[in-house]
């Protein structure tokens, strides 16, 4: 081997790689013909005048056609302050340290989702950690939830293909699933949302739009975890292995398998781990690796855009309802009597009516009522932002203040919505029309006594925060259950362990509490069976806690309650065998 003494241009050499890699034209003529022009290449933006250009120049000179059909030109990665990374500045990030701390998948996911690949991007380890927490751990925890309960119930997927899994009969990674009509409405939503995701991600990938594809997957995983799984926990918890429970397992399994295949190009390691357990261990005929399996295909028959849109409206109502509850300081576990909802469109109301049960359960309210478009429970009070308008309007500011203060109810609402949507607003002041910018106006809201109100995107949600005695008792029962569940976890109990539950309010021999009478006694008179079933207790006993019990002391509506837990052995259903 000897070195060629003269090189015409190193970039010319790089541009010639399209023929040199095949040793063309001296051999591999057929392989070269099938591979040229390349479908896709990728490099940083500083290769525009180097590699990108010389590839085309060489190909045009030799073959009179382009060298490649598609290119992604990557923007530079900058430090957290927007400076170019360099050793002299000491701001170079050691990638191996990032790999060790967060994993390769977290770094990859951050780079895919942070911004379009052609944009310069600021990099920080905190962003990688956020990708790990918000996406990868959410996906993993959803998978762990499924595996935990599937193992407890001994559930395994049927093999043999089915459209819900994203392929025709015999397609790899596909498994039998319940017919669509046998599924609960929320199962149908999940599958409709899933197959719409496959359709949209496939379209984005075909268009070389990796950021849009990755962000769509991220949104779906968030909804799968924080909506589908949370809404359906009881279906997995319940002891009956009925058709409803089977449908829930099939739906979640289908979603996890298909998401694993969608995620594979972006996060190759976590997707491989999930695939091998979800598919490889239950289907011997499946491909060995997720990276050898077929890209999923959407099943158009399962896509229901109306259903997906209706559920989006419901999730928006729930989000506004939670914001209203938070603003009022009302605990999430405290039931409320009613919620009033105003939709942005008539179609919104139809969607909410379709999923009223979800709204009631998510917002912990008894009744959903509807407001017409003319009803408004929020009053808006507008005033100028003096820092923004002082220099601009000068002596006109006092007059502007009065004009904003005296706006009609309808005009105030229109101005508030313009500010929310970051639109300018025209206002007549002293006979002259001025255009106010969103940052030049401050908007304050108020709502009637006894209501907590939130609105956005044309929708309004108003919670009735008045509490009856019955509602307070139910709220206390829910608080007690949550505390007992926390105590079970602290005691190291398994999810399925049954217990004997002791509750001591420190009463004397005459049943009189040293703290005075609170809600505990009347609450247990009404809600004891609910407390027993929710905590997997074979019985609930009032009085002194035995010495061998795990104990915690809690505050419940002003009363101190000692919680004692004894795990049961043997015949748990009857309570025999508890460790007394």
Protein backbone atom coordinates (compact mmCIF):
# COMPACT_ATOMS: atom_id res chain seq x y z
CA UNK A 1 0.00 0.00 0.00
CA UNK A 2 1.31 3.45 -0.82
CA UNK A 3 -0.06 6.92 -0.31
CA UNK A 4 -1.00 9.04 -3.30
CA UNK A 5 1.28 12.07 -3.11
CA UNK A 6 -1.22 14.62 -4.39
CA UNK A 7 -4.87 15.11 -3.54
CA UNK A 8 -6.87 17.45 -5.73
CA UNK A 9 -9.30 18.42 -2.95
CA UNK A 10 -10.40 16.54 0.15
CA UNK A 11 -14.05 17.54 -0.43
CA UNK A 12 -13.83 16.19 -3.98
CA UNK A 13 -12.76 12.92 -2.39
CA UNK A 14 -15.80 13.00 -0.10
CA UNK A 15 -18.04 13.77 -3.09
CA UNK A 16 -16.64 10.74 -4.89
CA UNK A 17 -17.65 8.36 -2.10
CA UNK A 18 -20.90 7.58 -3.92
CA UNK A 19 -18.90 5.62 -6.53
CA UNK A 20 -15.85 4.75 -4.45
CA UNK A 21 -17.87 2.83 -1.85
CA UNK A 22 -18.84 0.33 -4.56
CA UNK A 23 -15.47 0.46 -6.41
CA UNK A 24 -17.53 1.54 -9.39
CA UNK A 25 -17.09 1.29 -12.38
CA UNK A 26 -14.57 -1.50 -11.95
CA UNK A 27 -17.07 -3.80 -10.22
CA UNK A 28 -20.52 -3.89 -8.57
CA UNK A 29 -22.23 -2.16 -11.50
CA UNK A 30 -25.65 -3.62 -10.63
CA UNK A 31 -25.39 -2.71 -6.93
CA UNK A 32 -24.38 0.82 -7.84
CA UNK A 33 -27.28 1.18 -10.28
CA UNK A 34 -29.79 0.10 -7.64
CA UNK A 35 -28.32 2.39 -4.94
CA UNK A 36 -27.82 5.57 -6.95
CA UNK A 37 -29.11 8.17 -6.38
CA UNK A 38 -29.28 7.64 -2.61
CA UNK A 39 -32.70 8.00 -1.00
CA UNK A 40 -31.39 9.95 1.97
CA UNK A 41 -28.27 11.48 3.48
CA UNK A 42 -27.70 13.49 6.64
CA UNK A 43 -24.94 15.79 7.87
CA UNK A 44 -24.49 19.14 9.63
CA UNK A 45 -25.18 22.46 7.95
CA UNK A 46 -21.46 23.21 7.57
CA UNK A 47 -21.35 20.43 4.94
CA UNK A 48 -23.54 22.46 2.55
CA UNK A 49 -20.59 23.76 0.53
CA UNK A 50 -18.58 20.62 1.15
CA UNK A 51 -20.13 17.21 1.04
CA UNK A 52 -23.69 18.14 -0.08
CA UNK A 53 -22.45 20.23 -2.99
CA UNK A 54 -19.61 17.99 -4.17
CA UNK A 55 -21.85 14.92 -4.14
CA UNK A 56 -24.20 16.63 -6.58
CA UNK A 57 -21.33 18.13 -8.60
CA UNK A 58 -19.61 14.77 -9.10
CA UNK A 59 -22.90 12.98 -9.85
CA UNK A 60 -23.93 15.64 -12.36
CA UNK A 61 -20.56 15.52 -14.12
CA UNK A 62 -20.53 11.74 -14.33
CA UNK A 63 -24.21 10.78 -14.67
CA UNK A 64 -26.14 14.00 -15.31
CA UNK A 65 -28.42 13.40 -12.30
CA UNK A 66 -28.44 14.26 -8.58
CA UNK A 67 -26.54 12.19 -6.05
CA UNK A 68 -29.34 11.99 -3.46
CA UNK A 69 -33.09 12.56 -3.29
CA UNK A 70 -33.56 13.71 0.30
CA UNK A 71 -31.31 15.38 2.85
CA UNK A 72 -31.62 16.49 6.46
CA UNK A 73 -29.16 19.26 7.15
CA UNK A 74 -28.54 19.37 10.90
CA UNK A 75 -28.15 22.62 12.80
CA UNK A 76 -25.29 22.99 15.26
CA UNK A 77 -25.64 21.98 18.89
CA UNK A 78 -24.82 24.94 21.14
CA UNK A 79 -24.31 25.16 24.88
CA UNK A 80 -27.06 26.22 27.29
CA UNK A 81 -26.21 29.93 26.73
CA UNK A 82 -26.32 29.63 22.94
CA UNK A 83 -22.55 29.62 22.39
CA UNK A 84 -20.79 27.23 20.04
CA UNK A 85 -19.14 24.43 21.97
CA UNK A 86 -15.36 24.53 21.98
CA UNK A 87 -12.52 23.27 24.15
CA UNK A 88 -11.16 26.80 24.55
CA UNK A 89 -14.43 27.95 26.15
CA UNK A 90 -14.59 24.86 28.32
CA UNK A 91 -18.24 24.27 27.42
CA UNK A 92 -17.91 20.93 25.64
CA UNK A 93 -20.25 18.25 26.97
CA UNK A 94 -18.82 14.76 27.49
CA UNK A 95 -21.36 12.50 25.75
CA UNK A 96 -20.23 9.43 27.69
CA UNK A 97 -21.09 11.14 30.96
CA UNK A 98 -24.55 11.92 29.60
CA UNK A 99 -24.96 8.30 28.48
CA UNK A 100 -23.99 7.02 31.92
CA UNK A 101 -26.34 9.38 33.76
CA UNK A 102 -29.42 9.35 31.55
CA UNK A 103 -28.95 6.63 28.93
CA UNK A 104 -28.54 6.87 25.19
CA UNK A 105 -32.29 6.78 24.52
CA UNK A 106 -32.93 9.87 26.63
CA UNK A 107 -30.31 11.87 24.73
CA UNK A 108 -31.63 10.67 21.38
CA UNK A 109 -35.22 11.50 22.32
CA UNK A 110 -34.22 14.99 23.44
CA UNK A 111 -32.45 15.66 20.15
CA UNK A 112 -35.40 14.37 18.12
CA UNK A 113 -38.07 16.39 19.96
CA UNK A 114 -36.35 19.62 21.05
CA UNK A 115 -36.63 21.45 17.71
CA UNK A 116 -36.59 20.83 13.94
CA UNK A 117 -33.29 19.14 13.06
CA UNK A 118 -32.15 22.02 10.85
CA UNK A 119 -32.34 24.58 13.65
CA UNK A 120 -29.41 25.41 15.93
CA UNK A 121 -30.29 24.12 19.39
CA UNK A 122 -29.18 24.88 22.89
CA UNK A 123 -28.19 21.80 24.82
CA UNK A 124 -28.24 21.13 28.54
CA UNK A 125 -28.26 17.97 30.61
CA UNK A 126 -31.44 19.18 32.31
CA UNK A 127 -33.26 18.84 28.99
CA UNK A 128 -32.09 15.25 28.66
CA UNK A 129 -33.28 14.55 32.19
CA UNK A 130 -36.65 16.04 31.30
CA UNK A 131 -36.94 13.73 28.29
CA UNK A 132 -36.15 10.81 30.57
CA UNK A 133 -38.78 11.79 33.14
CA UNK A 134 -41.56 13.00 30.88
CA UNK A 135 -41.41 10.39 28.14
CA UNK A 136 -39.21 7.36 28.74
CA UNK A 137 -40.19 6.83 32.37
CA UNK A 138 -43.85 7.46 31.53
CA UNK A 139 -43.66 4.76 28.86
CA UNK A 140 -41.78 2.41 31.19
CA UNK A 141 -44.20 2.96 34.08
CA UNK A 142 -47.17 2.25 31.81
CA UNK A 143 -45.46 -0.95 30.69
CA UNK A 144 -44.66 -1.85 34.33
CA UNK A 145 -48.31 -1.30 35.32
CA UNK A 146 -49.47 -3.65 32.58
CA UNK A 147 -46.89 -6.33 33.40
CA UNK A 148 -47.65 -6.19 37.13
CA UNK A 149 -51.36 -6.89 36.75
CA UNK A 150 -51.00 -9.24 33.77
CA UNK A 151 -48.64 -11.39 35.87
CA UNK A 152 -50.98 -11.28 38.87
CA UNK A 153 -53.87 -12.50 36.71
CA UNK A 154 -51.79 -14.84 34.57
CA UNK A 155 -52.97 -13.00 31.46
CA UNK A 156 -51.23 -13.70 28.16
CA UNK A 157 -52.17 -12.45 24.69
CA UNK A 158 -53.73 -14.78 22.17
CA UNK A 159 -51.56 -15.30 19.09
CA UNK A 160 -52.77 -15.36 15.57
CA UNK A 161 -53.24 -11.91 14.20
CA UNK A 162 -55.92 -9.27 14.30
CA UNK A 163 -56.53 -5.80 12.96
CA UNK A 164 -56.35 -4.13 16.35
CA UNK A 165 -52.65 -4.94 16.49
CA UNK A 166 -51.89 -3.15 13.26
CA UNK A 167 -51.54 -5.86 10.66
CA UNK A 168 -53.19 -8.60 8.70
CA UNK A 169 -53.48 -12.14 9.94
CA UNK A 170 -50.03 -13.67 10.25
CA UNK A 171 -48.25 -10.31 10.38
CA UNK A 172 -45.41 -10.43 12.90
CA UNK A 173 -46.00 -8.99 16.36
CA UNK A 174 -49.78 -9.18 15.96
CA UNK A 175 -52.06 -10.92 18.39
CA UNK A 176 -55.74 -11.69 18.66
CA UNK A 177 -57.93 -8.98 20.16
CA UNK A 178 -61.50 -8.43 21.14
CA UNK A 179 -63.78 -7.37 18.28
CA UNK A 180 -64.17 -3.62 18.20
CA UNK A 181 -67.90 -3.72 19.03
CA UNK A 182 -67.21 -5.72 22.21
CA UNK A 183 -64.87 -3.06 23.59
CA UNK A 184 -65.81 -0.34 26.03
CA UNK A 185 -66.10 3.15 24.58
CA UNK A 186 -62.79 4.19 26.11
CA UNK A 187 -61.11 1.11 24.60
CA UNK A 188 -62.43 2.10 21.20
CA UNK A 189 -61.07 5.59 21.78
CA UNK A 190 -57.63 4.23 22.68
CA UNK A 191 -57.49 2.07 19.54
CA UNK A 192 -58.82 4.88 17.35
CA UNK A 193 -56.22 7.22 18.80
CA UNK A 194 -53.51 4.56 18.36
CA UNK A 195 -54.20 3.85 14.71
CA UNK A 196 -54.53 7.55 13.93
CA UNK A 197 -51.10 7.89 15.55
CA UNK A 198 -49.66 5.17 13.32
CA UNK A 199 -51.13 6.93 10.29
CA UNK A 200 -49.76 10.33 11.30
CA UNK A 201 -46.32 9.12 12.39
CA UNK A 202 -45.95 7.13 9.18
CA UNK A 203 -46.86 10.22 7.12
CA UNK A 204 -44.36 12.36 9.05
CA UNK A 205 -41.59 9.82 8.63
CA UNK A 206 -42.31 9.54 4.90
CA UNK A 207 -41.90 13.33 4.79
CA UNK A 208 -38.63 13.13 6.79
CA UNK A 209 -40.25 15.14 9.60
CA UNK A 210 -38.82 13.32 12.60
CA UNK A 211 -39.68 16.00 15.19
CA UNK A 212 -43.40 15.97 14.40
CA UNK A 213 -43.41 12.16 14.46
CA UNK A 214 -41.61 11.93 17.81
CA UNK A 215 -43.75 14.61 19.45
CA UNK A 216 -46.92 12.82 18.30
CA UNK A 217 -45.70 9.61 19.96
CA UNK A 218 -44.87 11.55 23.12
CA UNK A 219 -48.40 13.02 23.31
CA UNK A 220 -49.97 9.61 22.82
CA UNK A 221 -47.88 7.98 25.55
CA UNK A 222 -48.87 10.79 27.91
CA UNK A 223 -52.56 10.22 27.14
CA UNK A 224 -52.16 6.45 27.40
CA UNK A 225 -50.63 6.78 30.87
CA UNK A 226 -52.44 9.76 32.34
CA UNK A 227 -55.82 9.14 30.78
CA UNK A 228 -56.41 5.57 29.62
CA UNK A 229 -54.54 3.75 32.39
CA UNK A 230 -55.70 6.13 35.13
CA UNK A 231 -59.31 5.95 33.93
CA UNK A 232 -59.23 2.14 33.80
CA UNK A 233 -57.27 1.16 36.90
CA UNK A 234 -60.31 -0.47 38.47
CA UNK A 235 -60.79 -2.72 35.47
CA UNK A 236 -57.31 -4.17 36.10
CA UNK A 237 -57.68 -4.19 39.89
CA UNK A 238 -60.96 -6.08 40.09
CA UNK A 239 -60.86 -9.78 40.89
CA UNK A 240 -63.34 -10.89 38.22
CA UNK A 241 -61.64 -12.06 35.02
CA UNK A 242 -64.66 -11.05 32.95
CA UNK A 243 -64.89 -9.90 29.33
CA UNK A 244 -64.52 -6.26 30.38
CA UNK A 245 -61.20 -6.96 32.10
CA UNK A 246 -59.99 -8.99 29.13
CA UNK A 247 -60.85 -6.11 26.80
CA UNK A 248 -58.83 -3.71 28.96
CA UNK A 249 -55.81 -6.02 28.88
CA UNK A 250 -56.06 -6.48 25.11
CA UNK A 251 -56.39 -2.75 24.51
CA UNK A 252 -53.43 -1.75 26.66
CA UNK A 253 -51.31 -4.58 25.31
CA UNK A 254 -52.08 -3.56 21.72
CA UNK A 255 -51.14 0.03 22.46
CA UNK A 256 -47.87 -0.91 24.15
CA UNK A 257 -46.76 -3.29 21.40
CA UNK A 258 -47.52 -0.85 18.62
CA UNK A 259 -45.93 2.10 20.42
CA UNK A 260 -42.84 -0.04 20.99
CA UNK A 261 -42.56 -0.54 17.25
CA UNK A 262 -43.11 3.16 16.54
CA UNK A 263 -40.50 4.17 19.11
CA UNK A 264 -37.86 1.73 17.88
CA UNK A 265 -36.10 4.06 15.39
CA UNK A 266 -35.96 6.85 17.98
CA UNK A 267 -35.17 4.98 21.21
CA UNK A 268 -33.70 1.60 20.15
CA UNK A 269 -32.78 0.23 23.56
CA UNK A 270 -35.94 0.71 25.64
CA UNK A 271 -38.04 -0.40 22.67
CA UNK A 272 -35.98 -3.59 22.39
CA UNK A 273 -36.41 -4.31 26.10
CA UNK A 274 -40.18 -3.82 25.95
CA UNK A 275 -40.54 -5.80 22.73
CA UNK A 276 -38.66 -8.85 23.96
CA UNK A 277 -40.86 -9.13 27.05
CA UNK A 278 -44.18 -8.17 25.48
CA UNK A 279 -43.77 -10.06 22.22
CA UNK A 280 -40.65 -12.24 22.12
CA UNK A 281 -41.46 -14.21 25.27
CA UNK A 282 -45.08 -14.94 24.31
CA UNK A 283 -44.81 -15.52 20.56
CA UNK A 284 -42.03 -17.84 19.46
CA UNK A 285 -42.72 -17.11 15.79
CA UNK A 286 -42.19 -13.37 16.14
CA UNK A 287 -38.99 -11.70 14.86
CA UNK A 288 -36.11 -11.87 17.31
CA UNK A 289 -35.82 -8.09 17.62
CA UNK A 290 -38.15 -5.13 17.32
CA UNK A 291 -35.69 -3.76 14.78
CA UNK A 292 -36.40 -6.78 12.58
CA UNK A 293 -40.18 -6.49 12.85
CA UNK A 294 -42.39 -4.76 10.34
CA UNK A 295 -43.35 -1.14 10.63
CA UNK A 296 -46.96 -1.03 11.91
CA UNK A 297 -49.79 -0.21 9.55
CA UNK A 298 -52.91 1.74 10.52
CA UNK A 299 -56.25 -0.05 10.45
CA UNK A 300 -58.56 2.56 8.96
CA UNK A 301 -61.68 0.76 10.20
CA UNK A 302 -60.61 1.41 13.79
CA UNK A 303 -59.98 5.14 13.33
CA UNK A 304 -62.93 7.19 14.58
CA UNK A 305 -62.07 10.88 14.28
CA UNK A 306 -65.33 11.97 15.93
CA UNK A 307 -64.67 9.77 18.94
CA UNK A 308 -61.11 11.09 19.26
CA UNK A 309 -62.32 14.69 18.96
CA UNK A 310 -65.00 14.16 21.61
CA UNK A 311 -62.48 12.74 24.05
CA UNK A 312 -60.17 15.70 23.43
CA UNK A 313 -63.03 18.00 24.45
CA UNK A 314 -63.59 15.95 27.60
CA UNK A 315 -59.91 16.10 28.52
CA UNK A 316 -60.01 19.87 28.04
CA UNK A 317 -63.06 20.14 30.33
CA UNK A 318 -61.30 18.03 32.94
CA UNK A 319 -58.17 20.19 32.69
CA UNK A 320 -60.22 23.36 33.20
CA UNK A 321 -62.13 21.73 36.06
CA UNK A 322 -58.90 20.80 37.82
CA UNK A 323 -57.63 24.36 37.36
CA UNK A 324 -60.84 25.71 38.86
CA UNK A 325 -60.62 23.32 41.82
CA UNK A 326 -56.97 24.26 42.41
CA UNK A 327 -57.78 27.99 42.35
CA UNK A 328 -60.44 27.45 45.02
CA UNK A 329 -58.12 25.43 47.28
CA UNK A 330 -60.59 22.54 47.26
CA UNK A 331 -58.96 19.11 47.67
CA UNK A 332 -59.19 16.74 44.71
CA UNK A 333 -60.63 13.96 46.91
CA UNK A 334 -63.48 16.18 48.16
CA UNK A 335 -66.64 15.38 46.13
CA UNK A 336 -68.65 18.33 44.87
CA UNK A 337 -72.31 18.52 43.96
CA UNK A 338 -72.19 19.80 40.39
CA UNK A 339 -70.21 21.26 37.54
CA UNK A 340 -71.56 23.68 34.94
CA UNK A 341 -70.03 23.46 31.46
CA UNK A 342 -70.25 25.76 28.46
CA UNK A 343 -68.81 24.40 25.22
CA UNK A 344 -67.18 26.42 22.47
CA UNK A 345 -69.43 24.72 19.88
CA UNK A 346 -72.61 22.60 19.93
CA UNK A 347 -70.41 19.65 18.97
CA UNK A 348 -68.45 20.11 22.20
CA UNK A 349 -71.58 19.60 24.27
CA UNK A 350 -72.46 16.44 22.34
CA UNK A 351 -69.00 15.06 23.08
CA UNK A 352 -69.24 15.91 26.77
CA UNK A 353 -72.66 14.26 27.04
CA UNK A 354 -71.16 11.16 25.43
CA UNK A 355 -68.52 10.95 28.16
CA UNK A 356 -70.37 12.38 31.16
CA UNK A 357 -69.28 9.47 33.35
CA UNK A 358 -65.63 10.32 32.70
CA UNK A 359 -66.23 14.00 33.55
CA UNK A 360 -68.03 13.13 36.78
CA UNK A 361 -65.38 10.69 37.87
CA UNK A 362 -62.35 12.79 36.91
CA UNK A 363 -63.66 15.96 38.56
CA UNK A 364 -65.19 14.06 41.50
CA UNK A 365 -68.60 15.65 41.11
CA UNK A 366 -72.15 14.29 41.21
CA UNK A 367 -73.89 16.07 38.35
CA UNK A 368 -72.91 17.67 35.03
CA UNK A 369 -75.05 20.61 33.94
CA UNK A 370 -74.81 22.73 30.81
CA UNK A 371 -74.76 26.47 30.21
CA UNK A 372 -75.92 28.06 26.98
CA UNK A 373 -73.61 30.29 24.96
CA UNK A 374 -75.08 33.50 26.39
CA UNK A 375 -74.43 32.54 30.02
CA UNK A 376 -71.26 33.80 31.61
CA UNK A 377 -70.26 33.09 35.20
CA UNK A 378 -66.99 35.02 34.91
CA UNK A 379 -66.67 38.78 35.16
CA UNK A 380 -63.64 40.43 33.56
CA UNK A 381 -62.05 43.61 34.86
CA UNK A 382 -59.59 45.29 32.50
CA UNK A 383 -56.99 47.95 33.14
CA UNK A 384 -53.91 49.24 31.33
CA UNK A 385 -50.48 47.81 32.01
CA UNK A 386 -48.86 51.08 33.07
CA UNK A 387 -45.33 49.87 32.37
CA UNK A 388 -46.27 49.15 28.77
CA UNK A 389 -48.56 52.11 27.98
CA UNK A 390 -47.01 54.95 29.99
CA UNK A 391 -44.58 56.24 27.39
CA UNK A 392 -46.78 55.28 24.45
CA UNK A 393 -49.96 57.07 25.53
CA UNK A 394 -48.68 59.65 28.03
CA UNK A 395 -51.45 62.01 29.19
CA UNK A 396 -54.08 59.75 27.62
CA UNK A 397 -53.45 56.98 30.21
CA UNK A 398 -56.11 58.21 32.73
CA UNK A 399 -58.73 58.35 29.96
CA UNK A 400 -57.63 54.92 28.74
CA UNK A 401 -58.00 53.58 32.28
CA UNK A 402 -61.58 54.83 32.52
CA UNK A 403 -62.46 53.44 29.07
CA UNK A 404 -61.21 49.98 30.01
CA UNK A 405 -62.94 50.08 33.38
CA UNK A 406 -66.29 51.05 31.82
CA UNK A 407 -66.32 48.39 29.10
CA UNK A 408 -69.56 46.45 28.85
CA UNK A 409 -69.66 42.82 30.03
CA UNK A 410 -69.52 41.58 26.43
CA UNK A 411 -66.70 43.93 25.45
CA UNK A 412 -64.67 42.97 28.54
CA UNK A 413 -65.05 39.32 27.69
CA UNK A 414 -64.02 39.94 24.05
CA UNK A 415 -60.95 41.88 25.21
CA UNK A 416 -60.01 39.15 27.70
CA UNK A 417 -60.23 36.50 24.97
CA UNK A 418 -58.11 38.65 22.65
CA UNK A 419 -55.45 38.96 25.35
CA UNK A 420 -55.56 35.19 25.96
CA UNK A 421 -55.12 34.52 22.24
CA UNK A 422 -52.38 37.18 21.92
CA UNK A 423 -54.41 39.30 19.47
CA UNK A 424 -54.60 43.12 19.33
CA UNK A 425 -57.88 44.80 20.31
CA UNK A 426 -59.44 48.02 19.03
CA UNK A 427 -60.73 50.46 21.67
CA UNK A 428 -62.39 53.86 21.23
CA UNK A 429 -60.90 56.45 23.60
CA UNK A 430 -62.00 60.09 23.51
CA UNK A 431 -63.58 59.61 20.10
CA UNK A 432 -60.48 58.06 18.57
CA UNK A 433 -59.81 54.36 17.88
CA UNK A 434 -56.64 52.85 19.29
CA UNK A 435 -55.25 49.35 18.82
CA UNK A 436 -54.14 47.86 22.13
CA UNK A 437 -51.58 45.07 22.14
CA UNK A 438 -52.10 42.04 24.43
CA UNK A 439 -49.17 43.02 26.68
CA UNK A 440 -50.68 46.49 27.19
CA UNK A 441 -53.77 45.22 29.04
CA UNK A 442 -54.11 43.48 32.40
CA UNK A 443 -57.19 41.30 32.90
CA UNK A 444 -58.54 40.22 36.28
CA UNK A 445 -61.42 37.78 36.72
CA UNK A 446 -64.01 37.14 39.39
CA UNK A 447 -66.77 34.58 39.78
CA UNK A 448 -69.92 34.33 41.94
CA UNK A 449 -69.62 33.23 45.56
CA UNK A 450 -69.70 29.47 45.92
CA UNK A 451 -68.28 28.80 42.46
CA UNK A 452 -64.77 28.17 41.14
CA UNK A 453 -64.55 29.03 37.45
CA UNK A 454 -61.96 28.46 34.72
CA UNK A 455 -62.18 29.00 31.00
CA UNK A 456 -60.11 28.76 27.86
CA UNK A 457 -60.46 28.16 24.12
CA UNK A 458 -64.09 29.28 24.30
CA UNK A 459 -64.98 26.71 26.98
CA UNK A 460 -66.05 27.49 30.55
CA UNK A 461 -66.18 25.17 33.56
CA UNK A 462 -67.74 26.22 36.89
CA UNK A 463 -67.57 24.01 40.00
CA UNK A 464 -70.13 24.45 42.76
CA UNK A 465 -67.87 24.51 45.83
CA UNK A 466 -70.66 24.55 48.47
CA UNK A 467 -70.34 21.48 50.71
CA UNK A 468 -73.18 19.60 52.34
CA UNK A 469 -72.65 17.37 55.38
CA UNK A 470 -72.97 14.29 53.17
CA UNK A 471 -70.29 15.54 50.79
CA UNK A 472 -67.93 16.22 53.69
CA UNK A 473 -68.42 12.67 54.98
CA UNK A 474 -67.61 11.21 51.57
CA UNK A 475 -64.55 13.44 51.30
CA UNK A 476 -63.34 12.23 54.69
CA UNK A 477 -63.81 8.61 53.59
CA UNK A 478 -61.73 9.20 50.44
CA UNK A 479 -59.02 10.88 52.52
CA UNK A 480 -58.94 7.91 54.87
CA UNK A 481 -58.63 5.45 51.98
CA UNK A 482 -55.74 7.41 50.50
CA UNK A 483 -53.93 7.43 53.85
CA UNK A 484 -54.46 3.69 54.32
CA UNK A 485 -53.16 3.03 50.80
CA UNK A 486 -50.05 5.08 51.59
CA UNK A 487 -49.62 3.09 54.81
CA UNK A 488 -49.93 -0.20 52.90
CA UNK A 489 -47.16 0.94 50.59
CA UNK A 490 -44.95 2.04 53.49
CA UNK A 491 -45.54 -1.31 55.18
CA UNK A 492 -44.13 -3.07 52.11
CA UNK A 493 -47.34 -4.91 51.23
CA UNK A 494 -47.91 -6.36 47.79
CA UNK A 495 -50.72 -4.94 45.69
CA UNK A 496 -52.86 -8.06 46.19
CA UNK A 497 -52.22 -8.51 49.95
CA UNK A 498 -55.35 -8.47 52.09
CA UNK A 499 -55.27 -6.88 55.52
CA UNK A 500 -57.10 -6.47 58.79
CA UNK A 501 -57.50 -2.71 59.29
CA UNK A 502 -57.55 -1.09 62.75
CA UNK A 503 -58.62 2.52 63.31
CA UNK A 504 -58.17 4.12 66.73
CA UNK A 505 -59.54 7.60 67.46
CA UNK A 506 -58.46 7.38 71.12
CA UNK A 507 -61.91 7.29 72.75
CA UNK A 508 -62.49 6.50 76.42
CA UNK A 509 -64.58 3.68 77.83
CA UNK A 510 -67.77 5.63 77.20
CA UNK A 511 -66.89 6.16 73.53
CA UNK A 512 -66.09 9.82 73.99
CA UNK A 513 -63.21 11.22 71.98
CA UNK A 514 -60.67 13.32 73.84
CA UNK A 515 -60.57 15.56 70.74
CA UNK A 516 -64.29 16.22 70.64
CA UNK A 517 -66.73 14.89 68.08
CA UNK A 518 -65.61 15.19 64.46
CA UNK A 519 -66.52 13.51 61.19
CA UNK A 520 -64.85 10.15 61.81
CA UNK A 521 -67.69 8.35 63.60
CA UNK A 522 -70.52 9.46 61.28
CA UNK A 523 -68.28 8.89 58.26
CA UNK A 524 -67.59 5.27 59.24
CA UNK A 525 -71.30 4.76 59.87
CA UNK A 526 -71.95 5.49 56.19
CA UNK A 527 -68.72 4.63 54.38
CA UNK A 528 -67.15 1.71 56.30
CA UNK A 529 -67.87 -0.82 53.53
CA UNK A 530 -66.30 1.51 50.95
CA UNK A 531 -63.19 1.88 53.14
CA UNK A 532 -62.99 -1.90 53.60
CA UNK A 533 -63.28 -2.78 49.90
CA UNK A 534 -60.95 -0.02 48.66
CA UNK A 535 -58.14 -0.99 51.05
CA UNK A 536 -58.48 -4.80 50.54
CA UNK A 537 -59.38 -5.21 54.21
CA UNK A 538 -61.16 -8.38 55.29
CA UNK A 539 -62.59 -6.33 58.15
CA UNK A 540 -62.29 -2.87 59.67
CA UNK A 541 -62.01 -2.75 63.46
CA UNK A 542 -62.36 0.31 65.67
CA UNK A 543 -60.34 0.49 68.86
CA UNK A 544 -56.87 -0.27 70.12
CA UNK A 545 -54.31 -1.25 67.50
CA UNK A 546 -52.50 -4.57 68.26
CA UNK A 547 -48.79 -4.47 69.01
CA UNK A 548 -47.79 -6.47 65.90
CA UNK A 549 -49.54 -4.07 63.48
CA UNK A 550 -47.81 -1.60 61.24
CA UNK A 551 -49.03 1.79 62.46
CA UNK A 552 -49.24 5.36 61.21
CA UNK A 553 -50.93 8.38 62.74
CA UNK A 554 -52.93 10.66 60.46
CA UNK A 555 -55.03 13.80 60.72
CA UNK A 556 -58.56 13.42 59.39
CA UNK A 557 -60.80 16.51 59.41
CA UNK A 558 -59.21 17.73 62.63
CA UNK A 559 -59.19 14.33 64.36
CA UNK A 560 -56.09 12.28 65.08
CA UNK A 561 -56.52 8.67 63.91
CA UNK A 562 -54.05 5.83 64.41
CA UNK A 563 -54.09 3.41 61.47
CA UNK A 564 -53.00 -0.18 62.12
CA UNK A 565 -52.41 -2.76 59.40
CA UNK A 566 -52.00 -6.51 59.83
CA UNK A 567 -51.35 -8.58 56.71
CA UNK A 568 -53.49 -11.70 56.25
CA UNK A 569 -52.30 -15.16 55.33
CA UNK A 570 -54.14 -18.22 54.07
CA UNK A 571 -57.84 -17.85 53.39
CA UNK A 572 -57.78 -14.11 52.77
CA UNK A 573 -61.38 -13.89 51.62
CA UNK A 574 -62.64 -14.91 55.05
CA UNK A 575 -59.86 -13.20 56.97
CA UNK A 576 -58.58 -16.44 58.47
CA UNK A 577 -54.83 -16.61 58.85
CA UNK A 578 -54.17 -12.93 59.54
CA UNK A 579 -50.91 -12.47 61.37
CA UNK A 580 -52.34 -11.83 64.85
